[in-house]
Amino acid sequence: MKHPHTHSSHPALIKRLRRAGGHLNSVIEMLEQGRECLDIAQQLQAVEKAISQAKKVLVQDHIDHCLEHALEDARRSGPSAASLDEFKQITRYL
C-alpha cells in the first residue's frame, strides 16, 4: 500500500537524490585525496544543482497534486484555512 504522501514523482526523486549522495561521497573522497579545489568546487556545484532540482520537482508536484485535491474538497465543503496555510508554507521552498 502506498503512503498517502507518496507521489508518482517520488521514485525518480529518490533515484536522483541517491545519485547526488554518491556524488557527494565522491567529493568527500576528493577532499581526502587532496584533489584540486577547482575540481572539487565543480563537483559540489553539480551536487547542489541536483538537490536544488529535486526540491523544485517535489514542491511543484506537491502544488500540482496535493493542492488540487484540496481545491476539490473546497468546492464541496468550502475553503480550508489549513490548505491555504499548507500552500503558503510549501511555496517558501521555491
PDB file of N, CA and C in Angstrom:
ATOM      1  N   MET A   1       0.836  -1.185   0.000  1.00  0.00           N
ATOM      2  CA  MET A   1       0.000   0.000   0.000  1.00  0.00           C
ATOM      3  C   MET A   1       0.873   1.238   0.000  1.00  0.00           C
ATOM      4  N   LYS A   2       0.517   2.216  -0.834  1.00  0.00           N
ATOM      5  CA  LYS A   2       1.284   3.453  -0.910  1.00  0.00           C
ATOM      6  C   LYS A   2       1.014   4.331   0.288  1.00  0.00           C
ATOM      7  N   HIS A   3       2.053   5.008   0.750  1.00  0.00           N
ATOM      8  CA  HIS A   3       1.896   6.012   1.785  1.00  0.00           C
ATOM      9  C   HIS A   3       1.085   7.157   1.191  1.00  0.00           C
ATOM     10  N   PRO A   4       0.198   7.786   1.956  1.00  0.00           N
ATOM     11  CA  PRO A   4      -0.661   8.814   1.389  1.00  0.00           C
ATOM     12  C   PRO A   4       0.080  10.014   0.818  1.00  0.00           C
ATOM     13  N   HIS A   5       1.324  10.209   1.195  1.00  0.00           N
ATOM     14  CA  HIS A   5       2.083  11.350   0.693  1.00  0.00           C
ATOM     15  C   HIS A   5       3.083  10.939  -0.383  1.00  0.00           C
ATOM     16  N   THR A   6       2.970   9.734  -0.906  1.00  0.00           N
ATOM     17  CA  THR A   6       3.841   9.271  -1.966  1.00  0.00           C
ATOM     18  C   THR A   6       3.208   9.609  -3.313  1.00  0.00           C
ATOM     19  N   HIS A   7       3.997  10.200  -4.181  1.00  0.00           N
ATOM     20  CA  HIS A   7       3.511  10.604  -5.494  1.00  0.00           C
ATOM     21  C   HIS A   7       4.292   9.849  -6.566  1.00  0.00           C
ATOM     22  N   SER A   8       3.780   9.881  -7.769  1.00  0.00           N
ATOM     23  CA  SER A   8       4.433   9.164  -8.857  1.00  0.00           C
ATOM     24  C   SER A   8       5.840   9.688  -9.126  1.00  0.00           C
ATOM     25  N   SER A   9       6.127  10.942  -8.759  1.00  0.00           N
ATOM     26  CA  SER A   9       7.459  11.509  -8.975  1.00  0.00           C
ATOM     27  C   SER A   9       8.480  11.042  -7.937  1.00  0.00           C
ATOM     28  N   HIS A  10       8.027  10.482  -6.826  1.00  0.00           N
ATOM     29  CA  HIS A  10       8.951  10.138  -5.739  1.00  0.00           C
ATOM     30  C   HIS A  10      10.009   9.110  -6.114  1.00  0.00           C
ATOM     31  N   PRO A  11       9.695   8.029  -6.841  1.00  0.00           N
ATOM     32  CA  PRO A  11      10.768   7.085  -7.201  1.00  0.00           C
ATOM     33  C   PRO A  11      11.894   7.749  -8.003  1.00  0.00           C
ATOM     34  N   ALA A  12      11.541   8.636  -8.927  1.00  0.00           N
ATOM     35  CA  ALA A  12      12.566   9.341  -9.704  1.00  0.00           C
ATOM     36  C   ALA A  12      13.357  10.289  -8.814  1.00  0.00           C
ATOM     37  N   LEU A  13      12.688  10.921  -7.858  1.00  0.00           N
ATOM     38  CA  LEU A  13      13.388  11.814  -6.927  1.00  0.00           C
ATOM     39  C   LEU A  13      14.350  11.023  -6.043  1.00  0.00           C
ATOM     40  N   ILE A  14      13.914   9.872  -5.584  1.00  0.00           N
ATOM     41  CA  ILE A  14      14.780   9.028  -4.755  1.00  0.00           C
ATOM     42  C   ILE A  14      16.025   8.641  -5.545  1.00  0.00           C
ATOM     43  N   LYS A  15      15.833   8.240  -6.794  1.00  0.00           N
ATOM     44  CA  LYS A  15      16.965   7.865  -7.646  1.00  0.00           C
ATOM     45  C   LYS A  15      17.914   9.050  -7.833  1.00  0.00           C
ATOM     46  N   ARG A  16      17.350  10.226  -8.095  1.00  0.00           N
ATOM     47  CA  ARG A  16      18.151  11.436  -8.290  1.00  0.00           C
ATOM     48  C   ARG A  16      18.938  11.794  -7.025  1.00  0.00           C
ATOM     49  N   LEU A  17      18.283  11.706  -5.875  1.00  0.00           N
ATOM     50  CA  LEU A  17      18.945  12.059  -4.616  1.00  0.00           C
ATOM     51  C   LEU A  17      20.005  11.026  -4.229  1.00  0.00           C
ATOM     52  N   ARG A  18      19.763   9.757  -4.534  1.00  0.00           N
ATOM     53  CA  ARG A  18      20.793   8.734  -4.267  1.00  0.00           C
ATOM     54  C   ARG A  18      22.026   8.991  -5.127  1.00  0.00           C
ATOM     55  N   ARG A  19      21.784   9.387  -6.388  1.00  0.00           N
ATOM     56  CA  ARG A  19      22.893   9.702  -7.289  1.00  0.00           C
ATOM     57  C   ARG A  19      23.660  10.922  -6.753  1.00  0.00           C
ATOM     58  N   ALA A  20      22.934  11.937  -6.295  1.00  0.00           N
ATOM     59  CA  ALA A  20      23.574  13.125  -5.714  1.00  0.00           C
ATOM     60  C   ALA A  20      24.355  12.745  -4.466  1.00  0.00           C
ATOM     61  N   GLY A  21      23.805  11.828  -3.671  1.00  0.00           N
ATOM     62  CA  GLY A  21      24.517  11.354  -2.478  1.00  0.00           C
ATOM     63  C   GLY A  21      25.817  10.662  -2.847  1.00  0.00           C
ATOM     64  N   GLY A  22      25.792   9.889  -3.916  1.00  0.00           N
ATOM     65  CA  GLY A  22      27.014   9.243  -4.394  1.00  0.00           C
ATOM     66  C   GLY A  22      28.040  10.258  -4.844  1.00  0.00           C
ATOM     67  N   HIS A  23      27.573  11.299  -5.538  1.00  0.00           N
ATOM     68  CA  HIS A  23      28.485  12.365  -5.961  1.00  0.00           C
ATOM     69  C   HIS A  23      29.059  13.098  -4.754  1.00  0.00           C
ATOM     70  N   LEU A  24      28.228  13.311  -3.738  1.00  0.00           N
ATOM     71  CA  LEU A  24      28.715  13.988  -2.534  1.00  0.00           C
ATOM     72  C   LEU A  24      29.784  13.138  -1.841  1.00  0.00           C
ATOM     73  N   ASN A  25      29.575  11.837  -1.804  1.00  0.00           N
ATOM     74  CA  ASN A  25      30.604  10.953  -1.234  1.00  0.00           C
ATOM     75  C   ASN A  25      31.891  11.031  -2.049  1.00  0.00           C
ATOM     76  N   SER A  26      31.763  11.169  -3.364  1.00  0.00           N
ATOM     77  CA  SER A  26      32.942  11.330  -4.220  1.00  0.00           C
ATOM     78  C   SER A  26      33.678  12.624  -3.902  1.00  0.00           C
ATOM     79  N   VAL A  27      32.928  13.672  -3.618  1.00  0.00           N
ATOM     80  CA  VAL A  27      33.545  14.954  -3.261  1.00  0.00           C
ATOM     81  C   VAL A  27      34.339  14.812  -1.962  1.00  0.00           C
ATOM     82  N   ILE A  28      33.777  14.111  -1.008  1.00  0.00           N
ATOM     83  CA  ILE A  28      34.479  13.876   0.259  1.00  0.00           C
ATOM     84  C   ILE A  28      35.786  13.122  -0.003  1.00  0.00           C
ATOM     85  N   GLU A  29      35.726  12.107  -0.856  1.00  0.00           N
ATOM     86  CA  GLU A  29      36.934  11.358  -1.205  1.00  0.00           C
ATOM     87  C   GLU A  29      37.951  12.250  -1.906  1.00  0.00           C
ATOM     88  N   MET A  30      37.468  13.135  -2.779  1.00  0.00           N
ATOM     89  CA  MET A  30      38.365  14.062  -3.475  1.00  0.00           C
ATOM     90  C   MET A  30      39.092  14.952  -2.467  1.00  0.00           C
ATOM     91  N   LEU A  31      38.360  15.416  -1.465  1.00  0.00           N
ATOM     92  CA  LEU A  31      38.975  16.246  -0.425  1.00  0.00           C
ATOM     93  C   LEU A  31      40.034  15.450   0.346  1.00  0.00           C
ATOM     94  N   GLU A  32      39.686  14.215   0.690  1.00  0.00           N
ATOM     95  CA  GLU A  32      40.619  13.371   1.436  1.00  0.00           C
ATOM     96  C   GLU A  32      41.877  13.071   0.626  1.00  0.00           C
ATOM     97  N   GLN A  33      41.738  13.012  -0.700  1.00  0.00           N
ATOM     98  CA  GLN A  33      42.873  12.720  -1.586  1.00  0.00           C
ATOM     99  C   GLN A  33      43.665  13.968  -1.943  1.00  0.00           C
ATOM    100  N   GLY A  34      43.198  15.125  -1.513  1.00  0.00           N
ATOM    101  CA  GLY A  34      43.910  16.360  -1.815  1.00  0.00           C
ATOM    102  C   GLY A  34      43.767  16.819  -3.254  1.00  0.00           C
ATOM    103  N   ARG A  35      42.647  16.517  -3.882  1.00  0.00           N
ATOM    104  CA  ARG A  35      42.423  16.920  -5.274  1.00  0.00           C
ATOM    105  C   ARG A  35      42.319  18.429  -5.395  1.00  0.00           C
ATOM    106  N   GLU A  36      42.419  18.912  -6.613  1.00  0.00           N
ATOM    107  CA  GLU A  36      42.376  20.341  -6.899  1.00  0.00           C
ATOM    108  C   GLU A  36      41.043  20.957  -6.454  1.00  0.00           C
ATOM    109  N   CYS A  37      41.124  22.152  -5.888  1.00  0.00           N
ATOM    110  CA  CYS A  37      39.928  22.841  -5.406  1.00  0.00           C
ATOM    111  C   CYS A  37      38.938  23.121  -6.534  1.00  0.00           C
ATOM    112  N   LEU A  38      39.425  23.437  -7.721  1.00  0.00           N
ATOM    113  CA  LEU A  38      38.535  23.697  -8.849  1.00  0.00           C
ATOM    114  C   LEU A  38      37.703  22.459  -9.177  1.00  0.00           C
ATOM    115  N   ASP A  39      38.338  21.289  -9.187  1.00  0.00           N
ATOM    116  CA  ASP A  39      37.617  20.045  -9.451  1.00  0.00           C
ATOM    117  C   ASP A  39      36.561  19.784  -8.379  1.00  0.00           C
ATOM    118  N   ILE A  40      36.945  20.025  -7.141  1.00  0.00           N
ATOM    119  CA  ILE A  40      36.018  19.804  -6.017  1.00  0.00           C
ATOM    120  C   ILE A  40      34.844  20.772  -6.104  1.00  0.00           C
ATOM    121  N   ALA A  41      35.131  22.032  -6.386  1.00  0.00           N
ATOM    122  CA  ALA A  41      34.070  23.040  -6.497  1.00  0.00           C
ATOM    123  C   ALA A  41      33.099  22.691  -7.622  1.00  0.00           C
ATOM    124  N   GLN A  42      33.626  22.197  -8.737  1.00  0.00           N
ATOM    125  CA  GLN A  42      32.755  21.805  -9.848  1.00  0.00           C
ATOM    126  C   GLN A  42      31.837  20.659  -9.441  1.00  0.00           C
ATOM    127  N   GLN A  43      32.375  19.694  -8.724  1.00  0.00           N
ATOM    128  CA  GLN A  43      31.561  18.566  -8.285  1.00  0.00           C
ATOM    129  C   GLN A  43      30.525  19.005  -7.250  1.00  0.00           C
ATOM    130  N   LEU A  44      30.913  19.900  -6.360  1.00  0.00           N
ATOM    131  CA  LEU A  44      29.960  20.417  -5.378  1.00  0.00           C
ATOM    132  C   LEU A  44      28.826  21.181  -6.068  1.00  0.00           C
ATOM    133  N   GLN A  45      29.168  21.921  -7.105  1.00  0.00           N
ATOM    134  CA  GLN A  45      28.147  22.639  -7.872  1.00  0.00           C
ATOM    135  C   GLN A  45      27.153  21.657  -8.484  1.00  0.00           C
ATOM    136  N   ALA A  46      27.646  20.553  -9.002  1.00  0.00           N
ATOM    137  CA  ALA A  46      26.778  19.546  -9.599  1.00  0.00           C
ATOM    138  C   ALA A  46      25.850  18.926  -8.548  1.00  0.00           C
ATOM    139  N   VAL A  47      26.389  18.650  -7.363  1.00  0.00           N
ATOM    140  CA  VAL A  47      25.582  18.091  -6.276  1.00  0.00           C
ATOM    141  C   VAL A  47      24.510  19.094  -5.856  1.00  0.00           C
ATOM    142  N   GLU A  48      24.921  20.345  -5.699  1.00  0.00           N
ATOM    143  CA  GLU A  48      23.986  21.392  -5.289  1.00  0.00           C
ATOM    144  C   GLU A  48      22.854  21.551  -6.311  1.00  0.00           C
ATOM    145  N   LYS A  49      23.198  21.535  -7.578  1.00  0.00           N
ATOM    146  CA  LYS A  49      22.198  21.681  -8.633  1.00  0.00           C
ATOM    147  C   LYS A  49      21.237  20.496  -8.631  1.00  0.00           C
ATOM    148  N   ALA A  50      21.746  19.294  -8.446  1.00  0.00           N
ATOM    149  CA  ALA A  50      20.896  18.099  -8.427  1.00  0.00           C
ATOM    150  C   ALA A  50      19.907  18.153  -7.262  1.00  0.00           C
ATOM    151  N   ILE A  51      20.370  18.565  -6.113  1.00  0.00           N
ATOM    152  CA  ILE A  51      19.493  18.655  -4.939  1.00  0.00           C
ATOM    153  C   ILE A  51      18.468  19.765  -5.123  1.00  0.00           C
ATOM    154  N   SER A  52      18.909  20.888  -5.646  1.00  0.00           N
ATOM    155  CA  SER A  52      18.004  22.008  -5.895  1.00  0.00           C
ATOM    156  C   SER A  52      16.912  21.618  -6.884  1.00  0.00           C
ATOM    157  N   GLN A  53      17.278  20.903  -7.932  1.00  0.00           N
ATOM    158  CA  GLN A  53      16.295  20.464  -8.926  1.00  0.00           C
ATOM    159  C   GLN A  53      15.324  19.459  -8.318  1.00  0.00           C
ATOM    160  N   ALA A  54      15.822  18.580  -7.474  1.00  0.00           N
ATOM    161  CA  ALA A  54      14.951  17.604  -6.811  1.00  0.00           C
ATOM    162  C   ALA A  54      13.940  18.322  -5.928  1.00  0.00           C
ATOM    163  N   LYS A  55      14.384  19.330  -5.205  1.00  0.00           N
ATOM    164  CA  LYS A  55      13.478  20.107  -4.351  1.00  0.00           C
ATOM    165  C   LYS A  55      12.420  20.797  -5.196  1.00  0.00           C
ATOM    166  N   LYS A  56      12.823  21.368  -6.304  1.00  0.00           N
ATOM    167  CA  LYS A  56      11.884  22.062  -7.186  1.00  0.00           C
ATOM    168  C   LYS A  56      10.811  21.098  -7.700  1.00  0.00           C
ATOM    169  N   VAL A  57      11.225  19.921  -8.140  1.00  0.00           N
ATOM    170  CA  VAL A  57      10.276  18.923  -8.638  1.00  0.00           C
ATOM    171  C   VAL A  57       9.313  18.501  -7.533  1.00  0.00           C
ATOM    172  N   LEU A  58       9.828  18.291  -6.328  1.00  0.00           N
ATOM    173  CA  LEU A  58       8.996  17.882  -5.199  1.00  0.00           C
ATOM    174  C   LEU A  58       7.947  18.942  -4.886  1.00  0.00           C
ATOM    175  N   VAL A  59       8.360  20.203  -4.808  1.00  0.00           N
ATOM    176  CA  VAL A  59       7.434  21.288  -4.474  1.00  0.00           C
ATOM    177  C   VAL A  59       6.391  21.450  -5.574  1.00  0.00           C
ATOM    178  N   GLN A  60       6.825  21.424  -6.824  1.00  0.00           N
ATOM    179  CA  GLN A  60       5.875  21.566  -7.922  1.00  0.00           C
ATOM    180  C   GLN A  60       4.882  20.412  -7.946  1.00  0.00           C
ATOM    181  N   ASP A  61       5.372  19.206  -7.692  1.00  0.00           N
ATOM    182  CA  ASP A  61       4.490  18.046  -7.652  1.00  0.00           C
ATOM    183  C   ASP A  61       3.478  18.193  -6.528  1.00  0.00           C
ATOM    184  N   HIS A  62       3.934  18.674  -5.394  1.00  0.00           N
ATOM    185  CA  HIS A  62       3.033  18.879  -4.255  1.00  0.00           C
ATOM    186  C   HIS A  62       1.940  19.880  -4.616  1.00  0.00           C
ATOM    187  N   ILE A  63       2.352  20.977  -5.204  1.00  0.00           N
ATOM    188  CA  ILE A  63       1.379  22.001  -5.595  1.00  0.00           C
ATOM    189  C   ILE A  63       0.399  21.431  -6.612  1.00  0.00           C
ATOM    190  N   ASP A  64       0.912  20.733  -7.612  1.00  0.00           N
ATOM    191  CA  ASP A  64       0.060  20.192  -8.673  1.00  0.00           C
ATOM    192  C   ASP A  64      -0.936  19.155  -8.168  1.00  0.00           C
ATOM    193  N   HIS A  65      -0.506  18.272  -7.296  1.00  0.00           N
ATOM    194  CA  HIS A  65      -1.352  17.144  -6.908  1.00  0.00           C
ATOM    195  C   HIS A  65      -2.066  17.333  -5.573  1.00  0.00           C
ATOM    196  N   CYS A  66      -1.327  17.619  -4.544  1.00  0.00           N
ATOM    197  CA  CYS A  66      -1.938  17.705  -3.213  1.00  0.00           C
ATOM    198  C   CYS A  66      -2.919  18.863  -3.119  1.00  0.00           C
ATOM    199  N   LEU A  67      -2.536  19.995  -3.619  1.00  0.00           N
ATOM    200  CA  LEU A  67      -3.417  21.149  -3.510  1.00  0.00           C
ATOM    201  C   LEU A  67      -4.573  21.073  -4.497  1.00  0.00           C
ATOM    202  N   GLU A  68      -4.399  20.332  -5.568  1.00  0.00           N
ATOM    203  CA  GLU A  68      -5.512  20.084  -6.485  1.00  0.00           C
ATOM    204  C   GLU A  68      -6.635  19.360  -5.750  1.00  0.00           C
ATOM    205  N   HIS A  69      -6.254  18.402  -4.919  1.00  0.00           N
ATOM    206  CA  HIS A  69      -7.246  17.689  -4.109  1.00  0.00           C
ATOM    207  C   HIS A  69      -7.879  18.625  -3.082  1.00  0.00           C
ATOM    208  N   ALA A  70      -7.086  19.523  -2.528  1.00  0.00           N
ATOM    209  CA  ALA A  70      -7.627  20.476  -1.560  1.00  0.00           C
ATOM    210  C   ALA A  70      -8.653  21.391  -2.216  1.00  0.00           C
ATOM    211  N   LEU A  71      -8.392  21.792  -3.453  1.00  0.00           N
ATOM    212  CA  LEU A  71      -9.358  22.635  -4.167  1.00  0.00           C
ATOM    213  C   LEU A  71     -10.647  21.879  -4.439  1.00  0.00           C
ATOM    214  N   GLU A  72     -10.525  20.606  -4.782  1.00  0.00           N
ATOM    215  CA  GLU A  72     -11.722  19.791  -4.992  1.00  0.00           C
ATOM    216  C   GLU A  72     -12.539  19.703  -3.704  1.00  0.00           C
ATOM    217  N   ASP A  73     -11.835  19.487  -2.591  1.00  0.00           N
ATOM    218  CA  ASP A  73     -12.517  19.436  -1.297  1.00  0.00           C
ATOM    219  C   ASP A  73     -13.173  20.771  -0.970  1.00  0.00           C
ATOM    220  N   ALA A  74     -12.480  21.869  -1.312  1.00  0.00           N
ATOM    221  CA  ALA A  74     -13.011  23.206  -1.035  1.00  0.00           C
ATOM    222  C   ALA A  74     -14.279  23.466  -1.831  1.00  0.00           C
ATOM    223  N   ARG A  75     -14.335  22.954  -3.044  1.00  0.00           N
ATOM    224  CA  ARG A  75     -15.544  23.120  -3.870  1.00  0.00           C
ATOM    225  C   ARG A  75     -16.738  22.421  -3.228  1.00  0.00           C
ATOM    226  N   ARG A  76     -16.438  21.295  -2.586  1.00  0.00           N
ATOM    227  CA  ARG A  76     -17.510  20.513  -1.964  1.00  0.00           C
ATOM    228  C   ARG A  76     -17.939  21.074  -0.615  1.00  0.00           C
ATOM    229  N   SER A  77     -16.958  21.460   0.204  1.00  0.00           N
ATOM    230  CA  SER A  77     -17.303  21.828   1.582  1.00  0.00           C
ATOM    231  C   SER A  77     -16.820  23.213   1.996  1.00  0.00           C
ATOM    232  N   GLY A  78     -16.371  24.010   1.056  1.00  0.00           N
ATOM    233  CA  GLY A  78     -15.896  25.352   1.391  1.00  0.00           C
ATOM    234  C   GLY A  78     -14.393  25.382   1.556  1.00  0.00           C
ATOM    235  N   PRO A  79     -13.805  26.561   1.427  1.00  0.00           N
ATOM    236  CA  PRO A  79     -12.346  26.673   1.513  1.00  0.00           C
ATOM    237  C   PRO A  79     -11.821  26.290   2.890  1.00  0.00           C
ATOM    238  N   SER A  80     -10.635  25.732   2.888  1.00  0.00           N
ATOM    239  CA  SER A  80      -9.994  25.294   4.126  1.00  0.00           C
ATOM    240  C   SER A  80      -8.793  26.182   4.428  1.00  0.00           C
ATOM    241  N   ALA A  81      -8.777  26.756   5.604  1.00  0.00           N
ATOM    242  CA  ALA A  81      -7.646  27.584   6.022  1.00  0.00           C
ATOM    243  C   ALA A  81      -6.376  26.742   6.098  1.00  0.00           C
ATOM    244  N   ALA A  82      -6.517  25.473   6.446  1.00  0.00           N
ATOM    245  CA  ALA A  82      -5.351  24.586   6.549  1.00  0.00           C
ATOM    246  C   ALA A  82      -4.717  24.375   5.182  1.00  0.00           C
ATOM    247  N   SER A  83      -5.534  24.213   4.140  1.00  0.00           N
ATOM    248  CA  SER A  83      -4.998  24.029   2.795  1.00  0.00           C
ATOM    249  C   SER A  83      -4.265  25.263   2.318  1.00  0.00           C
ATOM    250  N   LEU A  84      -4.823  26.432   2.577  1.00  0.00           N
ATOM    251  CA  LEU A  84      -4.181  27.682   2.193  1.00  0.00           C
ATOM    252  C   LEU A  84      -2.869  27.857   2.944  1.00  0.00           C
ATOM    253  N   ASP A  85      -2.865  27.528   4.218  1.00  0.00           N
ATOM    254  CA  ASP A  85      -1.646  27.628   5.013  1.00  0.00           C
ATOM    255  C   ASP A  85      -0.577  26.679   4.494  1.00  0.00           C
ATOM    256  N   GLU A  86      -0.981  25.471   4.113  1.00  0.00           N
ATOM    257  CA  GLU A  86      -0.031  24.498   3.571  1.00  0.00           C
ATOM    258  C   GLU A  86       0.579  25.022   2.271  1.00  0.00           C
ATOM    259  N   PHE A  87      -0.248  25.614   1.420  1.00  0.00           N
ATOM    260  CA  PHE A  87       0.236  26.191   0.171  1.00  0.00           C
ATOM    261  C   PHE A  87       1.268  27.281   0.456  1.00  0.00           C
ATOM    262  N   LYS A  88       0.977  28.150   1.392  1.00  0.00           N
ATOM    263  CA  LYS A  88       1.908  29.234   1.743  1.00  0.00           C
ATOM    264  C   LYS A  88       3.220  28.659   2.267  1.00  0.00           C
ATOM    265  N   GLN A  89       3.133  27.622   3.069  1.00  0.00           N
ATOM    266  CA  GLN A  89       4.338  27.027   3.637  1.00  0.00           C
ATOM    267  C   GLN A  89       5.215  26.392   2.577  1.00  0.00           C
ATOM    268  N   ILE A  90       4.628  25.627   1.666  1.00  0.00           N
ATOM    269  CA  ILE A  90       5.434  24.909   0.669  1.00  0.00           C
ATOM    270  C   ILE A  90       6.076  25.872  -0.331  1.00  0.00           C
ATOM    271  N   THR A  91       5.415  26.977  -0.641  1.00  0.00           N
ATOM    272  CA  THR A  91       5.993  27.916  -1.613  1.00  0.00           C
ATOM    273  C   THR A  91       7.224  28.623  -1.070  1.00  0.00           C
ATOM    274  N   ARG A  92       7.453  28.581   0.208  1.00  0.00           N
ATOM    275  CA  ARG A  92       8.682  29.154   0.772  1.00  0.00           C
ATOM    276  C   ARG A  92       9.936  28.430   0.292  1.00  0.00           C
ATOM    277  N   TYR A  93       9.767  27.215  -0.159  1.00  0.00           N
ATOM    278  CA  TYR A  93      10.905  26.404  -0.589  1.00  0.00           C
ATOM    279  C   TYR A  93      11.224  26.521  -2.061  1.00  0.00           C
ATOM    280  N   LEU A  94      10.468  27.342  -2.773  1.00  0.00           N
ATOM    281  CA  LEU A  94      10.742  27.542  -4.200  1.00  0.00           C
ATOM    282  C   LEU A  94      11.973  28.399  -4.391  1.00  0.00           C
TER     283      LEU A  94
END
